[in-house]
């Protein structure tokens, strides 16, 4: 029974694909193909990210991360996070292990939240595509509005969390390793 509970979403997914296949075999085959294609993409992206994170974890001391992106880093921390997020490659789910590593290294919480927002919306390849497809005005408005909203919301989240809640986030991280 424990195994069923542990893998319930996988079981639901498999049953759903079987039902889809029985209703329409073409759609079922396409669903299976699409699922395996996504798994293949996921597995090709995640290992290199974990390798890079491991190297970053070993090569960059916590003190350096705190100096450049910690609580008292000011505008240089924000610029570091903006640069890292906008030069990133890969889908949004790749940013979460990096954000976890940032927590471990003592990066300011609002910067971590801002990093995830920048990764999601303001990557350089996406900006180039938007500029060529939708024009400079749209790209400018989209990026500046997104950056403003992400920055304000990340600051508000950090401001409205109590010191104990923020410490709890960082302490939970230190107990998971």
Protein backbone atom coordinates (compact mmCIF):
# COMPACT_ATOMS: atom_id res chain seq x y z
CA UNK A 1 0.00 0.00 0.00
CA UNK A 2 2.92 2.31 0.70
CA UNK A 3 4.20 1.81 -2.85
CA UNK A 4 0.82 2.78 -4.31
CA UNK A 5 0.72 5.93 -2.20
CA UNK A 6 4.30 6.78 -3.13
CA UNK A 7 3.72 6.36 -6.87
CA UNK A 8 0.06 7.40 -7.06
CA UNK A 9 0.65 10.16 -9.65
CA UNK A 10 2.64 7.85 -11.89
CA UNK A 11 -0.14 5.26 -11.63
CA UNK A 12 -2.80 7.90 -12.39
CA UNK A 13 -0.74 9.03 -15.39
CA UNK A 14 -0.37 5.49 -16.75
CA UNK A 15 -4.09 4.73 -16.29
CA UNK A 16 -4.97 8.02 -17.98
CA UNK A 17 -2.77 7.19 -20.98
CA UNK A 18 -4.38 3.73 -21.24
CA UNK A 19 -7.84 5.32 -21.20
CA UNK A 20 -6.80 7.87 -23.83
CA UNK A 21 -5.30 5.10 -25.97
CA UNK A 22 -8.51 3.05 -25.75
CA UNK A 23 -10.62 6.05 -26.74
CA UNK A 24 -8.37 7.18 -29.60
CA UNK A 25 -5.24 5.17 -30.35
CA UNK A 26 -3.60 7.93 -32.40
CA UNK A 27 -3.94 10.44 -29.57
CA UNK A 28 -2.76 7.78 -27.12
CA UNK A 29 0.38 7.06 -29.14
CA UNK A 30 1.04 10.79 -29.51
CA UNK A 31 0.61 11.22 -25.75
CA UNK A 32 3.11 8.45 -25.05
CA UNK A 33 5.57 9.91 -27.57
CA UNK A 34 5.18 13.41 -26.10
CA UNK A 35 5.64 12.10 -22.55
CA UNK A 36 8.84 10.25 -23.39
CA UNK A 37 10.10 13.24 -25.35
CA UNK A 38 9.58 15.45 -22.28
CA UNK A 39 11.31 12.92 -20.02
CA UNK A 40 14.24 12.77 -22.45
CA UNK A 41 14.49 16.57 -22.48
CA UNK A 42 14.30 16.71 -18.69
CA UNK A 43 17.00 14.07 -18.29
CA UNK A 44 19.27 15.83 -20.77
CA UNK A 45 19.01 19.17 -18.94
CA UNK A 46 19.12 18.25 -15.27
CA UNK A 47 22.44 16.34 -14.98
CA UNK A 48 24.57 19.15 -16.47
CA UNK A 49 22.85 21.65 -14.18
CA UNK A 50 23.61 19.51 -11.13
CA UNK A 51 27.24 19.16 -12.25
CA UNK A 52 27.56 22.93 -12.64
CA UNK A 53 25.88 23.45 -9.27
CA UNK A 54 28.28 21.02 -7.64
CA UNK A 55 31.24 22.84 -9.13
CA UNK A 56 29.82 26.20 -8.06
CA UNK A 57 29.21 24.82 -4.58
CA UNK A 58 32.83 23.69 -4.28
CA UNK A 59 34.60 26.49 -6.13
CA UNK A 60 32.69 29.53 -4.82
CA UNK A 61 32.86 29.96 -1.05
CA UNK A 62 29.77 31.04 0.84
CA UNK A 63 31.52 34.25 1.87
CA UNK A 64 31.94 35.26 -1.78
CA UNK A 65 28.27 34.63 -2.54
CA UNK A 66 27.24 36.62 0.54
CA UNK A 67 29.60 39.45 -0.44
CA UNK A 68 28.16 39.77 -3.94
CA UNK A 69 24.56 38.64 -3.43
CA UNK A 70 23.96 38.64 0.31
CA UNK A 71 21.87 40.84 2.57
CA UNK A 72 24.17 43.88 2.35
CA UNK A 73 25.27 43.53 -1.28
CA UNK A 74 23.03 46.33 -2.55
CA UNK A 75 22.78 47.09 -6.25
CA UNK A 76 25.71 44.85 -7.19
CA UNK A 77 23.79 41.84 -5.84
CA UNK A 78 20.76 42.80 -7.86
CA UNK A 79 22.89 43.20 -10.99
CA UNK A 80 24.57 39.81 -10.40
CA UNK A 81 21.18 38.12 -10.05
CA UNK A 82 19.81 39.94 -13.10
CA UNK A 83 22.82 38.83 -15.14
CA UNK A 84 22.65 35.22 -13.97
CA UNK A 85 18.90 34.99 -14.60
CA UNK A 86 18.95 36.63 -18.02
CA UNK A 87 21.91 34.62 -19.33
CA UNK A 88 20.42 31.34 -18.12
CA UNK A 89 19.50 28.49 -20.39
CA UNK A 90 16.77 25.94 -19.97
CA UNK A 91 13.19 25.80 -18.77
CA UNK A 92 11.99 27.26 -15.48
CA UNK A 93 12.23 24.00 -13.52
CA UNK A 94 16.01 24.12 -13.93
CA UNK A 95 16.12 27.35 -11.90
CA UNK A 96 14.76 25.71 -8.73
CA UNK A 97 17.86 23.64 -7.88
CA UNK A 98 19.95 26.75 -8.49
CA UNK A 99 17.69 28.76 -6.19
CA UNK A 100 18.11 26.01 -3.59
CA UNK A 101 21.88 26.32 -3.90
CA UNK A 102 21.57 30.10 -3.52
CA UNK A 103 19.71 29.57 -0.25
CA UNK A 104 22.47 27.26 0.89
CA UNK A 105 25.08 29.89 0.02
CA UNK A 106 23.28 32.69 1.91
CA UNK A 107 22.00 34.74 -1.03
CA UNK A 108 19.37 37.31 -0.03
CA UNK A 109 15.84 35.85 -0.26
CA UNK A 110 14.42 38.69 -2.37
CA UNK A 111 17.27 38.18 -4.86
CA UNK A 112 16.44 34.48 -5.12
CA UNK A 113 12.79 35.25 -5.83
CA UNK A 114 13.84 37.90 -8.37
CA UNK A 115 16.23 35.39 -9.99
CA UNK A 116 13.39 32.91 -10.58
CA UNK A 117 11.25 35.65 -12.12
CA UNK A 118 14.05 36.84 -14.39
CA UNK A 119 14.80 33.25 -15.43
CA UNK A 120 11.13 32.73 -16.29
CA UNK A 121 10.64 35.82 -18.38
CA UNK A 122 13.72 37.83 -19.24
CA UNK A 123 16.29 35.49 -20.78
CA UNK A 124 18.39 36.97 -23.59
CA UNK A 125 17.35 34.38 -26.24
CA UNK A 126 13.69 35.04 -25.45
CA UNK A 127 14.24 38.80 -25.68
CA UNK A 128 15.88 38.42 -29.10
CA UNK A 129 12.98 36.28 -30.31
CA UNK A 130 10.43 38.75 -28.95
CA UNK A 131 12.25 41.67 -30.55
CA UNK A 132 12.36 40.02 -33.99
CA UNK A 133 8.81 38.65 -33.81
CA UNK A 134 6.86 41.25 -31.87
CA UNK A 135 8.93 44.40 -32.17
CA UNK A 136 11.03 46.59 -29.96
CA UNK A 137 8.17 48.41 -28.25
CA UNK A 138 6.52 45.22 -27.07
CA UNK A 139 9.83 43.73 -25.93
CA UNK A 140 10.80 46.88 -24.05
CA UNK A 141 7.43 47.14 -22.31
CA UNK A 142 7.30 43.43 -21.53
CA UNK A 143 10.81 43.24 -20.07
CA UNK A 144 10.70 46.49 -18.09
CA UNK A 145 7.26 45.73 -16.69
CA UNK A 146 8.27 42.18 -15.80
CA UNK A 147 11.49 43.28 -14.11
CA UNK A 148 9.66 45.96 -12.14
CA UNK A 149 6.93 43.58 -11.01
CA UNK A 150 9.38 40.81 -10.08
CA UNK A 151 11.58 43.23 -8.17
CA UNK A 152 8.71 44.82 -6.24
CA UNK A 153 7.10 41.47 -5.44
CA UNK A 154 10.37 39.89 -4.34
CA UNK A 155 11.03 42.82 -1.99
CA UNK A 156 7.46 42.67 -0.66
CA UNK A 157 7.65 38.94 -0.03
CA UNK A 158 10.87 39.36 1.92
CA UNK A 159 9.49 42.39 3.78
CA UNK A 160 6.28 40.67 4.85
CA UNK A 161 7.96 37.49 6.02
CA UNK A 162 9.07 37.67 9.62
CA UNK A 163 12.73 37.22 10.53
CA UNK A 164 11.81 33.84 12.03
CA UNK A 165 10.15 32.71 8.79
CA UNK A 166 13.18 33.77 6.75
CA UNK A 167 15.55 32.05 9.19
CA UNK A 168 13.34 28.96 8.98
CA UNK A 169 13.74 28.89 5.18
CA UNK A 170 17.53 29.03 5.48
CA UNK A 171 17.60 26.57 8.41
CA UNK A 172 15.43 24.04 6.56
CA UNK A 173 17.98 24.14 3.77
CA UNK A 174 20.88 23.46 6.09
CA UNK A 175 19.12 20.42 7.58
CA UNK A 176 18.39 18.84 4.17
CA UNK A 177 22.07 18.32 3.35
